[in-house]
PDB file of N, CA and C in Angstrom:
ATOM      1  N   UNK A   1       0.836  -1.179   0.000  1.00  0.00           N
ATOM      2  CA  UNK A   1       0.000   0.000   0.000  1.00  0.00           C
ATOM      3  C   UNK A   1       0.882   1.243   0.000  1.00  0.00           C
ATOM      4  N   UNK A   2       0.571   2.164  -0.877  1.00  0.00           N
ATOM      5  CA  UNK A   2       1.338   3.397  -0.981  1.00  0.00           C
ATOM      6  C   UNK A   2       0.655   4.467  -0.148  1.00  0.00           C
ATOM      7  N   UNK A   3       1.267   4.818   0.978  1.00  0.00           N
ATOM      8  CA  UNK A   3       0.630   5.783   1.876  1.00  0.00           C
ATOM      9  C   UNK A   3       1.218   7.182   1.750  1.00  0.00           C
ATOM     10  N   UNK A   4       1.935   7.434   0.692  1.00  0.00           N
ATOM     11  CA  UNK A   4       2.514   8.759   0.551  1.00  0.00           C
ATOM     12  C   UNK A   4       3.241   8.911  -0.758  1.00  0.00           C
ATOM     13  N   UNK A   5       3.942   9.984  -0.860  1.00  0.00           N
ATOM     14  CA  UNK A   5       4.644  10.315  -2.086  1.00  0.00           C
ATOM     15  C   UNK A   5       6.136  10.253  -1.849  1.00  0.00           C
ATOM     16  N   UNK A   6       6.853  10.146  -2.937  1.00  0.00           N
ATOM     17  CA  UNK A   6       8.309  10.288  -2.877  1.00  0.00           C
ATOM     18  C   UNK A   6       8.734  11.275  -3.961  1.00  0.00           C
ATOM     19  N   UNK A   7       9.752  12.004  -3.676  1.00  0.00           N
ATOM     20  CA  UNK A   7      10.312  12.970  -4.615  1.00  0.00           C
ATOM     21  C   UNK A   7      11.470  12.292  -5.339  1.00  0.00           C
ATOM     22  N   UNK A   8      11.562  12.521  -6.632  1.00  0.00           N
ATOM     23  CA  UNK A   8      12.665  11.953  -7.418  1.00  0.00           C
ATOM     24  C   UNK A   8      13.999  12.313  -6.741  1.00  0.00           C
ATOM     25  N   UNK A   9      14.944  11.363  -6.678  1.00  0.00           N
ATOM     26  CA  UNK A   9      16.197  11.610  -5.951  1.00  0.00           C
ATOM     27  C   UNK A   9      16.959  12.871  -6.361  1.00  0.00           C
ATOM     28  N   UNK A  10      16.989  13.208  -7.641  1.00  0.00           N
ATOM     29  CA  UNK A  10      17.714  14.418  -8.061  1.00  0.00           C
ATOM     30  C   UNK A  10      17.000  15.677  -7.580  1.00  0.00           C
ATOM     31  N   UNK A  11      15.674  15.670  -7.652  1.00  0.00           N
ATOM     32  CA  UNK A  11      14.896  16.806  -7.157  1.00  0.00           C
ATOM     33  C   UNK A  11      15.044  16.896  -5.647  1.00  0.00           C
ATOM     34  N   UNK A  12      15.013  15.725  -4.977  1.00  0.00           N
ATOM     35  CA  UNK A  12      15.173  15.678  -3.525  1.00  0.00           C
ATOM     36  C   UNK A  12      16.512  16.297  -3.115  1.00  0.00           C
ATOM     37  N   UNK A  13      17.591  15.907  -3.791  1.00  0.00           N
ATOM     38  CA  UNK A  13      18.917  16.445  -3.455  1.00  0.00           C
ATOM     39  C   UNK A  13      18.970  17.959  -3.643  1.00  0.00           C
ATOM     40  N   UNK A  14      18.362  18.444  -4.733  1.00  0.00           N
ATOM     41  CA  UNK A  14      18.336  19.885  -4.980  1.00  0.00           C
ATOM     42  C   UNK A  14      17.547  20.610  -3.890  1.00  0.00           C
ATOM     43  N   UNK A  15      16.350  20.115  -3.592  1.00  0.00           N
ATOM     44  CA  UNK A  15      15.512  20.752  -2.570  1.00  0.00           C
ATOM     45  C   UNK A  15      16.151  20.673  -1.184  1.00  0.00           C
ATOM     46  N   UNK A  16      16.848  19.572  -0.921  1.00  0.00           N
ATOM     47  CA  UNK A  16      17.528  19.435   0.369  1.00  0.00           C
ATOM     48  C   UNK A  16      18.625  20.499   0.497  1.00  0.00           C
ATOM     49  N   UNK A  17      19.365  20.740  -0.581  1.00  0.00           N
ATOM     50  CA  UNK A  17      20.385  21.788  -0.569  1.00  0.00           C
ATOM     51  C   UNK A  17      19.744  23.150  -0.322  1.00  0.00           C
ATOM     52  N   UNK A  18      18.621  23.403  -0.982  1.00  0.00           N
ATOM     53  CA  UNK A  18      17.907  24.671  -0.795  1.00  0.00           C
ATOM     54  C   UNK A  18      17.469  24.810   0.666  1.00  0.00           C
ATOM     55  N   UNK A  19      16.890  23.724   1.214  1.00  0.00           N
ATOM     56  CA  UNK A  19      16.355  23.775   2.579  1.00  0.00           C
ATOM     57  C   UNK A  19      17.448  23.863   3.639  1.00  0.00           C
ATOM     58  N   UNK A  20      18.576  23.194   3.405  1.00  0.00           N
ATOM     59  CA  UNK A  20      19.628  23.157   4.430  1.00  0.00           C
ATOM     60  C   UNK A  20      20.639  24.297   4.321  1.00  0.00           C
ATOM     61  N   UNK A  21      20.826  24.830   3.119  1.00  0.00           N
ATOM     62  CA  UNK A  21      21.877  25.840   2.946  1.00  0.00           C
ATOM     63  C   UNK A  21      21.341  27.193   2.486  1.00  0.00           C
ATOM     64  N   UNK A  22      20.572  27.187   1.425  1.00  0.00           N
ATOM     65  CA  UNK A  22      20.194  28.454   0.793  1.00  0.00           C
ATOM     66  C   UNK A  22      19.203  29.245   1.637  1.00  0.00           C
ATOM     67  N   UNK A  23      18.066  28.650   1.987  1.00  0.00           N
ATOM     68  CA  UNK A  23      17.036  29.409   2.705  1.00  0.00           C
ATOM     69  C   UNK A  23      17.500  29.921   4.073  1.00  0.00           C
ATOM     70  N   UNK A  24      18.193  29.105   4.883  1.00  0.00           N
ATOM     71  CA  UNK A  24      18.696  29.676   6.142  1.00  0.00           C
ATOM     72  C   UNK A  24      19.688  30.825   5.922  1.00  0.00           C
ATOM     73  N   UNK A  25      20.521  30.706   4.891  1.00  0.00           N
ATOM     74  CA  UNK A  25      21.473  31.782   4.595  1.00  0.00           C
ATOM     75  C   UNK A  25      20.750  33.045   4.146  1.00  0.00           C
ATOM     76  N   UNK A  26      19.713  32.893   3.325  1.00  0.00           N
ATOM     77  CA  UNK A  26      18.951  34.055   2.861  1.00  0.00           C
ATOM     78  C   UNK A  26      18.230  34.719   4.033  1.00  0.00           C
ATOM     79  N   UNK A  27      17.632  33.921   4.919  1.00  0.00           N
ATOM     80  CA  UNK A  27      16.948  34.493   6.085  1.00  0.00           C
ATOM     81  C   UNK A  27      17.934  35.264   6.965  1.00  0.00           C
ATOM     82  N   UNK A  28      19.112  34.713   7.155  1.00  0.00           N
ATOM     83  CA  UNK A  28      20.143  35.399   7.946  1.00  0.00           C
ATOM     84  C   UNK A  28      20.588  36.686   7.266  1.00  0.00           C
ATOM     85  N   UNK A  29      20.751  36.632   5.955  1.00  0.00           N
ATOM     86  CA  UNK A  29      21.134  37.824   5.208  1.00  0.00           C
ATOM     87  C   UNK A  29      20.062  38.916   5.315  1.00  0.00           C
ATOM     88  N   UNK A  30      18.805  38.531   5.209  1.00  0.00           N
ATOM     89  CA  UNK A  30      17.714  39.510   5.309  1.00  0.00           C
ATOM     90  C   UNK A  30      17.717  40.169   6.685  1.00  0.00           C
ATOM     91  N   UNK A  31      17.878  39.374   7.736  1.00  0.00           N
ATOM     92  CA  UNK A  31      17.915  39.947   9.089  1.00  0.00           C
ATOM     93  C   UNK A  31      19.123  40.877   9.238  1.00  0.00           C
ATOM     94  N   UNK A  32      20.297  40.420   8.793  1.00  0.00           N
ATOM     95  CA  UNK A  32      21.513  41.242   8.911  1.00  0.00           C
ATOM     96  C   UNK A  32      21.420  42.545   8.139  1.00  0.00           C
ATOM     97  N   UNK A  33      20.940  42.455   6.907  1.00  0.00           N
ATOM     98  CA  UNK A  33      20.791  43.677   6.114  1.00  0.00           C
ATOM     99  C   UNK A  33      19.690  44.573   6.676  1.00  0.00           C
ATOM    100  N   UNK A  34      18.633  43.945   7.188  1.00  0.00           N
ATOM    101  CA  UNK A  34      17.544  44.725   7.777  1.00  0.00           C
ATOM    102  C   UNK A  34      18.009  45.559   8.954  1.00  0.00           C
ATOM    103  N   UNK A  35      18.837  44.982   9.786  1.00  0.00           N
ATOM    104  CA  UNK A  35      19.384  45.717  10.930  1.00  0.00           C
ATOM    105  C   UNK A  35      20.325  46.814  10.438  1.00  0.00           C
ATOM    106  N   UNK A  36      21.154  46.472   9.442  1.00  0.00           N
ATOM    107  CA  UNK A  36      22.133  47.428   8.938  1.00  0.00           C
ATOM    108  C   UNK A  36      21.487  48.649   8.276  1.00  0.00           C
ATOM    109  N   UNK A  37      20.458  48.413   7.463  1.00  0.00           N
ATOM    110  CA  UNK A  37      19.837  49.524   6.728  1.00  0.00           C
ATOM    111  C   UNK A  37      18.528  49.978   7.368  1.00  0.00           C
ATOM    112  N   UNK A  38      18.263  49.451   8.570  1.00  0.00           N
ATOM    113  CA  UNK A  38      17.064  49.834   9.321  1.00  0.00           C
ATOM    114  C   UNK A  38      15.777  49.566   8.520  1.00  0.00           C
ATOM    115  N   UNK A  39      15.695  48.340   7.975  1.00  0.00           N
ATOM    116  CA  UNK A  39      14.529  47.907   7.190  1.00  0.00           C
ATOM    117  C   UNK A  39      13.545  47.257   8.146  1.00  0.00           C
ATOM    118  N   UNK A  40      12.431  47.878   8.375  1.00  0.00           N
ATOM    119  CA  UNK A  40      11.478  47.408   9.382  1.00  0.00           C
ATOM    120  C   UNK A  40      10.779  46.113   8.979  1.00  0.00           C
ATOM    121  N   UNK A  41      10.710  45.803   7.694  1.00  0.00           N
ATOM    122  CA  UNK A  41      10.034  44.590   7.242  1.00  0.00           C
ATOM    123  C   UNK A  41      10.941  43.353   7.269  1.00  0.00           C
ATOM    124  N   UNK A  42      12.209  43.522   7.606  1.00  0.00           N
ATOM    125  CA  UNK A  42      13.165  42.408   7.572  1.00  0.00           C
ATOM    126  C   UNK A  42      12.744  41.227   8.449  1.00  0.00           C
ATOM    127  N   UNK A  43      12.294  41.434   9.701  1.00  0.00           N
ATOM    128  CA  UNK A  43      11.879  40.277  10.499  1.00  0.00           C
ATOM    129  C   UNK A  43      10.705  39.511   9.876  1.00  0.00           C
ATOM    130  N   UNK A  44       9.775  40.226   9.276  1.00  0.00           N
ATOM    131  CA  UNK A  44       8.636  39.556   8.640  1.00  0.00           C
ATOM    132  C   UNK A  44       9.084  38.750   7.421  1.00  0.00           C
ATOM    133  N   UNK A  45       9.947  39.330   6.612  1.00  0.00           N
ATOM    134  CA  UNK A  45      10.450  38.637   5.420  1.00  0.00           C
ATOM    135  C   UNK A  45      11.261  37.408   5.839  1.00  0.00           C
ATOM    136  N   UNK A  46      12.138  37.567   6.822  1.00  0.00           N
ATOM    137  CA  UNK A  46      12.932  36.434   7.304  1.00  0.00           C
ATOM    138  C   UNK A  46      12.028  35.368   7.914  1.00  0.00           C
ATOM    139  N   UNK A  47      10.960  35.791   8.576  1.00  0.00           N
ATOM    140  CA  UNK A  47      10.008  34.841   9.141  1.00  0.00           C
ATOM    141  C   UNK A  47       9.313  34.026   8.068  1.00  0.00           C
ATOM    142  N   UNK A  48       8.919  34.669   6.984  1.00  0.00           N
ATOM    143  CA  UNK A  48       8.283  33.952   5.868  1.00  0.00           C
ATOM    144  C   UNK A  48       9.266  32.961   5.249  1.00  0.00           C
ATOM    145  N   UNK A  49      10.502  33.381   5.058  1.00  0.00           N
ATOM    146  CA  UNK A  49      11.524  32.477   4.505  1.00  0.00           C
ATOM    147  C   UNK A  49      11.712  31.278   5.420  1.00  0.00           C
ATOM    148  N   UNK A  50      11.750  31.514   6.713  1.00  0.00           N
ATOM    149  CA  UNK A  50      11.927  30.422   7.679  1.00  0.00           C
ATOM    150  C   UNK A  50      10.720  29.485   7.676  1.00  0.00           C
ATOM    151  N   UNK A  51       9.524  30.027   7.555  1.00  0.00           N
ATOM    152  CA  UNK A  51       8.327  29.188   7.478  1.00  0.00           C
ATOM    153  C   UNK A  51       8.339  28.312   6.222  1.00  0.00           C
ATOM    154  N   UNK A  52       8.728  28.882   5.093  1.00  0.00           N
ATOM    155  CA  UNK A  52       8.836  28.108   3.859  1.00  0.00           C
ATOM    156  C   UNK A  52       9.891  27.014   4.021  1.00  0.00           C
ATOM    157  N   UNK A  53      11.003  27.349   4.652  1.00  0.00           N
ATOM    158  CA  UNK A  53      12.070  26.377   4.884  1.00  0.00           C
ATOM    159  C   UNK A  53      11.592  25.233   5.770  1.00  0.00           C
ATOM    160  N   UNK A  54      10.854  25.549   6.809  1.00  0.00           N
ATOM    161  CA  UNK A  54      10.324  24.518   7.704  1.00  0.00           C
ATOM    162  C   UNK A  54       9.344  23.611   6.967  1.00  0.00           C
ATOM    163  N   UNK A  55       8.459  24.204   6.161  1.00  0.00           N
ATOM    164  CA  UNK A  55       7.520  23.436   5.359  1.00  0.00           C
ATOM    165  C   UNK A  55       8.253  22.508   4.401  1.00  0.00           C
ATOM    166  N   UNK A  56       9.269  23.030   3.711  1.00  0.00           N
ATOM    167  CA  UNK A  56      10.057  22.237   2.780  1.00  0.00           C
ATOM    168  C   UNK A  56      10.769  21.091   3.497  1.00  0.00           C
ATOM    169  N   UNK A  57      11.317  21.371   4.671  1.00  0.00           N
ATOM    170  CA  UNK A  57      11.975  20.319   5.447  1.00  0.00           C
ATOM    171  C   UNK A  57      11.019  19.213   5.850  1.00  0.00           C
ATOM    172  N   UNK A  58       9.788  19.567   6.201  1.00  0.00           N
ATOM    173  CA  UNK A  58       8.786  18.565   6.574  1.00  0.00           C
ATOM    174  C   UNK A  58       8.434  17.683   5.385  1.00  0.00           C
ATOM    175  N   UNK A  59       8.237  18.293   4.223  1.00  0.00           N
ATOM    176  CA  UNK A  59       7.919  17.517   3.023  1.00  0.00           C
ATOM    177  C   UNK A  59       9.086  16.599   2.643  1.00  0.00           C
ATOM    178  N   UNK A  60      10.299  17.098   2.737  1.00  0.00           N
ATOM    179  CA  UNK A  60      11.470  16.274   2.423  1.00  0.00           C
ATOM    180  C   UNK A  60      11.603  15.111   3.402  1.00  0.00           C
ATOM    181  N   UNK A  61      11.317  15.363   4.670  1.00  0.00           N
ATOM    182  CA  UNK A  61      11.373  14.287   5.661  1.00  0.00           C
ATOM    183  C   UNK A  61      10.359  13.193   5.378  1.00  0.00           C
ATOM    184  N   UNK A  62       9.144  13.577   5.015  1.00  0.00           N
ATOM    185  CA  UNK A  62       8.102  12.595   4.698  1.00  0.00           C
ATOM    186  C   UNK A  62       8.480  11.806   3.452  1.00  0.00           C
ATOM    187  N   UNK A  63       8.991  12.494   2.429  1.00  0.00           N
ATOM    188  CA  UNK A  63       9.413  11.815   1.210  1.00  0.00           C
ATOM    189  C   UNK A  63      10.541  10.821   1.501  1.00  0.00           C
ATOM    190  N   UNK A  64      11.482  11.226   2.332  1.00  0.00           N
ATOM    191  CA  UNK A  64      12.596  10.351   2.689  1.00  0.00           C
ATOM    192  C   UNK A  64      12.102   9.104   3.417  1.00  0.00           C
ATOM    193  N   UNK A  65      11.181   9.282   4.334  1.00  0.00           N
ATOM    194  CA  UNK A  65      10.622   8.146   5.076  1.00  0.00           C
ATOM    195  C   UNK A  65       9.906   7.190   4.126  1.00  0.00           C
ATOM    196  N   UNK A  66       9.093   7.723   3.224  1.00  0.00           N
ATOM    197  CA  UNK A  66       8.384   6.879   2.260  1.00  0.00           C
ATOM    198  C   UNK A  66       9.353   6.152   1.340  1.00  0.00           C
ATOM    199  N   UNK A  67      10.402   6.842   0.911  1.00  0.00           N
ATOM    200  CA  UNK A  67      11.396   6.240   0.025  1.00  0.00           C
ATOM    201  C   UNK A  67      12.094   5.070   0.712  1.00  0.00           C
ATOM    202  N   UNK A  68      12.478   5.269   1.959  1.00  0.00           N
ATOM    203  CA  UNK A  68      13.163   4.204   2.699  1.00  0.00           C
ATOM    204  C   UNK A  68      12.260   3.007   2.909  1.00  0.00           C
ATOM    205  N   UNK A  69      10.961   3.231   3.104  1.00  0.00           N
ATOM    206  CA  UNK A  69      10.025   2.126   3.291  1.00  0.00           C
ATOM    207  C   UNK A  69       9.823   1.342   1.998  1.00  0.00           C
ATOM    208  N   UNK A  70      10.013   1.990   0.854  1.00  0.00           N
ATOM    209  CA  UNK A  70       9.821   1.324  -0.432  1.00  0.00           C
ATOM    210  C   UNK A  70      11.041   0.524  -0.855  1.00  0.00           C
ATOM    211  N   UNK A  71      12.196   0.819  -0.275  1.00  0.00           N
ATOM    212  CA  UNK A  71      13.429   0.158  -0.686  1.00  0.00           C
ATOM    213  C   UNK A  71      13.558  -1.200  -0.009  1.00  0.00           C
ATOM    214  N   UNK A  72      14.047  -2.200  -0.760  1.00  0.00           N
ATOM    215  CA  UNK A  72      14.286  -3.498  -0.126  1.00  0.00           C
ATOM    216  C   UNK A  72      15.412  -3.391   0.892  1.00  0.00           C
ATOM    217  N   UNK A  73      15.370  -4.271   1.851  1.00  0.00           N
ATOM    218  CA  UNK A  73      16.387  -4.260   2.893  1.00  0.00           C
ATOM    219  C   UNK A  73      17.705  -4.790   2.348  1.00  0.00           C
ATOM    220  N   UNK A  74      18.801  -4.139   2.669  1.00  0.00           N
ATOM    221  CA  UNK A  74      20.119  -4.570   2.220  1.00  0.00           C
ATOM    222  C   UNK A  74      20.694  -5.524   3.263  1.00  0.00           C
ATOM    223  N   UNK A  75      21.103  -6.706   2.803  1.00  0.00           N
ATOM    224  CA  UNK A  75      21.621  -7.704   3.726  1.00  0.00           C
ATOM    225  C   UNK A  75      23.130  -7.740   3.783  1.00  0.00           C
ATOM    226  N   UNK A  76      23.803  -7.152   2.830  1.00  0.00           N
ATOM    227  CA  UNK A  76      25.252  -7.173   2.895  1.00  0.00           C
ATOM    228  C   UNK A  76      25.880  -6.716   1.597  1.00  0.00           C
ATOM    229  N   UNK A  77      27.184  -6.875   1.520  1.00  0.00           N
ATOM    230  CA  UNK A  77      27.950  -6.505   0.335  1.00  0.00           C
ATOM    231  C   UNK A  77      28.495  -7.762  -0.325  1.00  0.00           C
ATOM    232  N   UNK A  78      28.325  -7.845  -1.634  1.00  0.00           N
ATOM    233  CA  UNK A  78      28.928  -8.901  -2.418  1.00  0.00           C
ATOM    234  C   UNK A  78      30.213  -8.317  -2.983  1.00  0.00           C
ATOM    235  N   UNK A  79      31.351  -8.843  -2.564  1.00  0.00           N
ATOM    236  CA  UNK A  79      32.638  -8.311  -2.982  1.00  0.00           C
ATOM    237  C   UNK A  79      33.233  -9.241  -4.029  1.00  0.00           C
ATOM    238  N   UNK A  80      33.505  -8.688  -5.206  1.00  0.00           N
ATOM    239  CA  UNK A  80      34.088  -9.452  -6.303  1.00  0.00           C
ATOM    240  C   UNK A  80      35.501  -8.939  -6.513  1.00  0.00           C
ATOM    241  N   UNK A  81      36.486  -9.806  -6.298  1.00  0.00           N
ATOM    242  CA  UNK A  81      37.884  -9.435  -6.520  1.00  0.00           C
ATOM    243  C   UNK A  81      38.262  -9.865  -7.934  1.00  0.00           C
ATOM    244  N   UNK A  82      38.914  -8.957  -8.662  1.00  0.00           N
ATOM    245  CA  UNK A  82      39.288  -9.229 -10.040  1.00  0.00           C
ATOM    246  C   UNK A  82      40.787  -9.095 -10.216  1.00  0.00           C
ATOM    247  N   UNK A  83      41.300  -9.816 -11.228  1.00  0.00           N
ATOM    248  CA  UNK A  83      42.701  -9.615 -11.574  1.00  0.00           C
ATOM    249  C   UNK A  83      42.807  -8.402 -12.498  1.00  0.00           C
ATOM    250  N   UNK A  84      44.012  -8.111 -12.985  1.00  0.00           N
ATOM    251  CA  UNK A  84      44.216  -6.917 -13.803  1.00  0.00           C
ATOM    252  C   UNK A  84      43.394  -6.921 -15.094  1.00  0.00           C
ATOM    253  N   UNK A  85      43.084  -8.090 -15.588  1.00  0.00           N
ATOM    254  CA  UNK A  85      42.312  -8.191 -16.828  1.00  0.00           C
ATOM    255  C   UNK A  85      40.806  -8.109 -16.572  1.00  0.00           C
ATOM    256  N   UNK A  86      40.405  -8.083 -15.332  1.00  0.00           N
ATOM    257  CA  UNK A  86      38.984  -7.997 -15.003  1.00  0.00           C
ATOM    258  C   UNK A  86      38.315  -9.334 -14.767  1.00  0.00           C
ATOM    259  N   UNK A  87      39.098 -10.411 -14.733  1.00  0.00           N
ATOM    260  CA  UNK A  87      38.531 -11.730 -14.497  1.00  0.00           C
ATOM    261  C   UNK A  87      38.292 -11.911 -13.000  1.00  0.00           C
ATOM    262  N   UNK A  88      37.084 -12.310 -12.617  1.00  0.00           N
ATOM    263  CA  UNK A  88      36.827 -12.539 -11.191  1.00  0.00           C
ATOM    264  C   UNK A  88      37.673 -13.683 -10.657  1.00  0.00           C
ATOM    265  N   UNK A  89      38.338 -13.444  -9.530  1.00  0.00           N
ATOM    266  CA  UNK A  89      39.153 -14.494  -8.928  1.00  0.00           C
ATOM    267  C   UNK A  89      38.659 -14.864  -7.532  1.00  0.00           C
ATOM    268  N   UNK A  90      37.777 -14.029  -6.963  1.00  0.00           N
ATOM    269  CA  UNK A  90      37.249 -14.326  -5.637  1.00  0.00           C
ATOM    270  C   UNK A  90      35.912 -13.598  -5.467  1.00  0.00           C
ATOM    271  N   UNK A  91      34.950 -14.289  -4.914  1.00  0.00           N
ATOM    272  CA  UNK A  91      33.664 -13.679  -4.600  1.00  0.00           C
ATOM    273  C   UNK A  91      33.349 -14.025  -3.150  1.00  0.00           C
ATOM    274  N   UNK A  92      33.005 -13.007  -2.373  1.00  0.00           N
ATOM    275  CA  UNK A  92      32.652 -13.260  -0.978  1.00  0.00           C
ATOM    276  C   UNK A  92      31.533 -12.310  -0.564  1.00  0.00           C
ATOM    277  N   UNK A  93      30.764 -12.762   0.391  1.00  0.00           N
ATOM    278  CA  UNK A  93      29.663 -11.966   0.914  1.00  0.00           C
ATOM    279  C   UNK A  93      30.081 -11.412   2.263  1.00  0.00           C
ATOM    280  N   UNK A  94      29.996 -10.105   2.402  1.00  0.00           N
ATOM    281  CA  UNK A  94      30.280  -9.460   3.675  1.00  0.00           C
ATOM    282  C   UNK A  94      28.936  -8.995   4.197  1.00  0.00           C
ATOM    283  N   UNK A  95      28.432  -9.696   5.196  1.00  0.00           N
ATOM    284  CA  UNK A  95      27.069  -9.449   5.635  1.00  0.00           C
ATOM    285  C   UNK A  95      26.950  -8.414   6.720  1.00  0.00           C
ATOM    286  N   UNK A  96      25.867  -7.655   6.643  1.00  0.00           N
ATOM    287  CA  UNK A  96      25.522  -6.717   7.693  1.00  0.00           C
ATOM    288  C   UNK A  96      24.619  -7.381   8.721  1.00  0.00           C
ATOM    289  N   UNK A  97      24.015  -8.501   8.332  1.00  0.00           N
ATOM    290  CA  UNK A  97      23.135  -9.241   9.232  1.00  0.00           C
ATOM    291  C   UNK A  97      23.632 -10.679   9.299  1.00  0.00           C
ATOM    292  N   UNK A  98      23.647 -11.201  10.484  1.00  0.00           N
ATOM    293  CA  UNK A  98      24.024 -12.597  10.622  1.00  0.00           C
ATOM    294  C   UNK A  98      22.796 -13.464  10.456  1.00  0.00           C
ATOM    295  N   UNK A  99      22.931 -14.510   9.651  1.00  0.00           N
ATOM    296  CA  UNK A  99      21.875 -15.491   9.445  1.00  0.00           C
ATOM    297  C   UNK A  99      20.518 -14.884   9.110  1.00  0.00           C
ATOM    298  N   UNK A 100      20.437 -14.105   8.035  1.00  0.00           N
ATOM    299  CA  UNK A 100      19.119 -13.590   7.668  1.00  0.00           C
ATOM    300  C   UNK A 100      18.209 -14.739   7.246  1.00  0.00           C
ATOM    301  N   UNK A 101      16.946 -14.640   7.532  1.00  0.00           N
ATOM    302  CA  UNK A 101      15.976 -15.678   7.190  1.00  0.00           C
ATOM    303  C   UNK A 101      15.312 -15.293   5.881  1.00  0.00           C
ATOM    304  N   UNK A 102      15.324 -16.213   4.914  1.00  0.00           N
ATOM    305  CA  UNK A 102      14.717 -15.961   3.616  1.00  0.00           C
ATOM    306  C   UNK A 102      13.568 -16.937   3.399  1.00  0.00           C
ATOM    307  N   UNK A 103      12.534 -16.452   2.771  1.00  0.00           N
ATOM    308  CA  UNK A 103      11.417 -17.292   2.383  1.00  0.00           C
ATOM    309  C   UNK A 103      11.732 -17.834   0.991  1.00  0.00           C
ATOM    310  N   UNK A 104      11.239 -19.041   0.671  1.00  0.00           N
ATOM    311  CA  UNK A 104      11.479 -19.591  -0.664  1.00  0.00           C
ATOM    312  C   UNK A 104      11.073 -18.588  -1.731  1.00  0.00           C
ATOM    313  N   UNK A 105      11.886 -18.490  -2.763  1.00  0.00           N
ATOM    314  CA  UNK A 105      11.667 -17.581  -3.892  1.00  0.00           C
ATOM    315  C   UNK A 105      11.691 -16.110  -3.483  1.00  0.00           C
ATOM    316  N   UNK A 106      12.296 -15.791  -2.350  1.00  0.00           N
ATOM    317  CA  UNK A 106      12.368 -14.391  -1.940  1.00  0.00           C
ATOM    318  C   UNK A 106      13.524 -13.712  -2.667  1.00  0.00           C
ATOM    319  N   UNK A 107      13.462 -12.412  -2.717  1.00  0.00           N
ATOM    320  CA  UNK A 107      14.526 -11.630  -3.306  1.00  0.00           C
ATOM    321  C   UNK A 107      15.140 -10.773  -2.224  1.00  0.00           C
ATOM    322  N   UNK A 108      16.429 -10.529  -2.330  1.00  0.00           N
ATOM    323  CA  UNK A 108      17.084  -9.637  -1.391  1.00  0.00           C
ATOM    324  C   UNK A 108      18.107  -8.825  -2.146  1.00  0.00           C
ATOM    325  N   UNK A 109      18.498  -7.734  -1.569  1.00  0.00           N
ATOM    326  CA  UNK A 109      19.386  -6.786  -2.221  1.00  0.00           C
ATOM    327  C   UNK A 109      20.753  -6.824  -1.554  1.00  0.00           C
ATOM    328  N   UNK A 110      21.788  -6.842  -2.368  1.00  0.00           N
ATOM    329  CA  UNK A 110      23.151  -6.719  -1.861  1.00  0.00           C
ATOM    330  C   UNK A 110      23.837  -5.602  -2.634  1.00  0.00           C
ATOM    331  N   UNK A 111      24.762  -4.949  -1.993  1.00  0.00           N
ATOM    332  CA  UNK A 111      25.611  -3.974  -2.670  1.00  0.00           C
ATOM    333  C   UNK A 111      26.777  -4.731  -3.270  1.00  0.00           C
ATOM    334  N   UNK A 112      27.147  -4.401  -4.487  1.00  0.00           N
ATOM    335  CA  UNK A 112      28.270  -5.079  -5.142  1.00  0.00           C
ATOM    336  C   UNK A 112      29.449  -4.123  -5.183  1.00  0.00           C
ATOM    337  N   UNK A 113      30.558  -4.573  -4.624  1.00  0.00           N
ATOM    338  CA  UNK A 113      31.796  -3.795  -4.658  1.00  0.00           C
ATOM    339  C   UNK A 113      32.812  -4.555  -5.489  1.00  0.00           C
ATOM    340  N   UNK A 114      33.575  -3.849  -6.266  1.00  0.00           N
ATOM    341  CA  UNK A 114      34.609  -4.473  -7.090  1.00  0.00           C
ATOM    342  C   UNK A 114      35.967  -4.107  -6.527  1.00  0.00           C
ATOM    343  N   UNK A 115      36.781  -5.097  -6.286  1.00  0.00           N
ATOM    344  CA  UNK A 115      38.155  -4.882  -5.833  1.00  0.00           C
ATOM    345  C   UNK A 115      39.097  -5.423  -6.896  1.00  0.00           C
ATOM    346  N   UNK A 116      40.201  -4.727  -7.085  1.00  0.00           N
ATOM    347  CA  UNK A 116      41.175  -5.183  -8.069  1.00  0.00           C
ATOM    348  C   UNK A 116      42.414  -5.671  -7.352  1.00  0.00           C
ATOM    349  N   UNK A 117      42.824  -6.884  -7.686  1.00  0.00           N
ATOM    350  CA  UNK A 117      44.021  -7.485  -7.114  1.00  0.00           C
ATOM    351  C   UNK A 117      45.201  -7.061  -7.955  1.00  0.00           C
ATOM    352  N   UNK A 118      46.188  -6.462  -7.337  1.00  0.00           N
ATOM    353  CA  UNK A 118      47.362  -5.973  -8.089  1.00  0.00           C
ATOM    354  C   UNK A 118      48.443  -7.001  -8.169  1.00  0.00           C
TER     355      UNK A 118
END
């Protein structure tokens, strides 16, 4: 059951940068300049920017939670060691979980790392 939305990873990364770096910096700049040039609307403008930032952070958090729930669980790393020509010479599983229980015909996800033997 899909109980929410997810944001495409590239859009998510962009919005996360905006929410974590750009908007707080802009709000700080507005407050600093407002004090410097005696701009009476600066606190209100900075407040609106902060509210938008908080809203964006909440949406990103929900999207992240939904995305993680949709992803299969990772059980470990499959490490393939290759010689200089790229021929596999050793394959081993480095597990993050000891003795995971699998149901017949189940699927699981592993990260594949390639190591080169010199």
